[in-house]
C-alpha atoms as a PDB file:
ATOM      1  CA  MET A   1       1.682   5.870  73.712  1.00  0.00           C
ATOM      2  CA  LEU A   2       5.000   4.392  74.773  1.00  0.00           C
ATOM      3  CA  LEU A   3       7.608   3.524  72.233  1.00  0.00           C
ATOM      4  CA  TRP A   4       9.865   0.650  73.195  1.00  0.00           C
ATOM      5  CA  LYS A   5      13.354   0.794  71.836  1.00  0.00           C
ATOM      6  CA  LYS A   6      15.310  -2.371  71.477  1.00  0.00           C
ATOM      7  CA  LYS A   7      18.754  -2.042  72.960  1.00  0.00           C
ATOM      8  CA  ALA A   8      21.300  -4.170  71.201  1.00  0.00           C
ATOM      9  CA  ARG A   9      24.191  -5.101  73.396  1.00  0.00           C
ATOM     10  CA  LEU A  10      27.534  -4.606  71.799  1.00  0.00           C
ATOM     11  CA  LEU A  11      30.041  -7.342  72.434  1.00  0.00           C
ATOM     12  CA  LYS A  12      33.472  -7.376  70.946  1.00  0.00           C
ATOM     13  CA  LYS A  13      33.865 -10.377  68.721  1.00  0.00           C
ATOM     14  CA  THR A  14      36.854 -11.785  70.567  1.00  0.00           C
ATOM     15  CA  LEU A  15      34.927 -11.568  73.828  1.00  0.00           C
ATOM     16  CA  LEU A  16      31.960 -13.348  72.286  1.00  0.00           C
ATOM     17  CA  ALA A  17      34.184 -16.084  70.890  1.00  0.00           C
ATOM     18  CA  LYS A  18      35.715 -16.570  74.351  1.00  0.00           C
ATOM     19  CA  LYS A  19      32.259 -16.874  75.871  1.00  0.00           C
ATOM     20  CA  LEU A  20      31.236 -19.410  73.236  1.00  0.00           C
ATOM     21  CA  VAL A  21      34.222 -21.612  74.115  1.00  0.00           C
ATOM     22  CA  SER A  22      32.548 -22.788  77.316  1.00  0.00           C
ATOM     23  CA  ILE A  23      29.400 -23.775  75.419  1.00  0.00           C
ATOM     24  CA  LEU A  24      31.173 -25.415  72.495  1.00  0.00           C
ATOM     25  CA  LYS A  25      33.507 -27.480  74.684  1.00  0.00           C
ATOM     26  CA  HIS A  26      30.547 -29.597  75.710  1.00  0.00           C
ATOM     27  CA  THR A  27      28.605 -29.552  72.442  1.00  0.00           C
ATOM     28  CA  PRO A  28      30.920 -28.747  69.500  1.00  0.00           C
ATOM     29  CA  THR A  29      28.336 -29.825  66.923  1.00  0.00           C
ATOM     30  CA  MET A  30      25.735 -27.314  68.105  1.00  0.00           C
ATOM     31  CA  LYS A  31      23.769 -25.774  65.254  1.00  0.00           C
ATOM     32  CA  LEU A  32      24.044 -22.067  64.447  1.00  0.00           C
ATOM     33  CA  LYS A  33      20.375 -21.459  65.149  1.00  0.00           C
ATOM     34  CA  ALA A  34      20.691 -22.920  68.650  1.00  0.00           C
ATOM     35  CA  LEU A  35      23.833 -20.864  69.287  1.00  0.00           C
ATOM     36  CA  ARG A  36      22.078 -17.692  68.169  1.00  0.00           C
ATOM     37  CA  GLU A  37      19.239 -18.388  70.589  1.00  0.00           C
ATOM     38  CA  GLU A  38      21.725 -19.125  73.386  1.00  0.00           C
ATOM     39  CA  CYS A  39      23.502 -15.806  72.768  1.00  0.00           C
ATOM     40  CA  LYS A  40      20.190 -14.005  72.701  1.00  0.00           C
ATOM     41  CA  THR A  41      19.044 -15.452  76.024  1.00  0.00           C
ATOM     42  CA  ARG A  42      22.371 -15.296  77.892  1.00  0.00           C
ATOM     43  CA  TRP A  43      23.840 -11.998  76.723  1.00  0.00           C
ATOM     44  CA  GLY A  44      21.132 -10.290  74.691  1.00  0.00           C
ATOM     45  CA  ALA A  45      23.353 -10.285  71.605  1.00  0.00           C
ATOM     46  CA  HIS A  46      21.498 -10.370  68.283  1.00  0.00           C
ATOM     47  CA  LEU A  47      23.791 -11.744  65.590  1.00  0.00           C
ATOM     48  CA  THR A  48      23.324 -12.581  61.957  1.00  0.00           C
ATOM     49  CA  LYS A  49      23.960 -16.077  60.668  1.00  0.00           C
ATOM     50  CA  PHE A  50      27.234 -14.972  59.095  1.00  0.00           C
ATOM     51  CA  GLN A  51      28.482 -13.354  62.312  1.00  0.00           C
ATOM     52  CA  MET A  52      27.515 -16.432  64.317  1.00  0.00           C
ATOM     53  CA  TYR A  53      29.322 -18.677  61.828  1.00  0.00           C
ATOM     54  CA  LYS A  54      32.515 -16.628  62.138  1.00  0.00           C
ATOM     55  CA  GLU A  55      32.366 -16.545  65.939  1.00  0.00           C
ATOM     56  CA  LYS A  56      31.681 -20.278  66.164  1.00  0.00           C
ATOM     57  CA  ASN A  57      34.721 -20.984  63.994  1.00  0.00           C
ATOM     58  CA  LYS A  58      36.896 -18.661  66.109  1.00  0.00           C
ATOM     59  CA  ALA A  59      35.742 -20.388  69.296  1.00  0.00           C
ATOM     60  CA  LEU A  60      36.374 -23.859  67.850  1.00  0.00           C
ATOM     61  CA  GLU A  61      39.808 -22.701  66.710  1.00  0.00           C
ATOM     62  CA  MET A  62      40.544 -21.525  70.268  1.00  0.00           C
ATOM     63  CA  ILE A  63      39.500 -24.915  71.629  1.00  0.00           C
ATOM     64  CA  HIS A  64      41.496 -26.944  69.126  1.00  0.00           C
ATOM     65  CA  GLY A  65      44.477 -24.606  69.380  1.00  0.00           C
ATOM     66  CA  ALA A  66      44.626 -25.074  73.140  1.00  0.00           C
ATOM     67  CA  ILE A  67      44.492 -28.850  72.729  1.00  0.00           C
ATOM     68  CA  ASP A  68      47.208 -28.826  70.076  1.00  0.00           C
ATOM     69  CA  GLU A  69      49.489 -26.710  72.291  1.00  0.00           C
ATOM     70  CA  GLN A  70      49.197 -29.239  75.103  1.00  0.00           C
ATOM     71  CA  TYR A  71      50.506 -32.033  72.881  1.00  0.00           C
ATOM     72  CA  GLU A  72      53.509 -30.097  71.560  1.00  0.00           C
END
């Protein structure tokens, strides 16, 4: 009998937020559930709702911060 072990990929949170920037630039109103599925399929990262919420906010802050810096 074979036992399959799930391997959870470890991504640093800043790296994950940077990767989410490219997704959220096009669809900033994307739901957390859809983002979780996207992370699961693209990078194999399994995140909780709370972690996904924090990373989405960091990514949106990066996007808006870059836009604000351009206008200064």
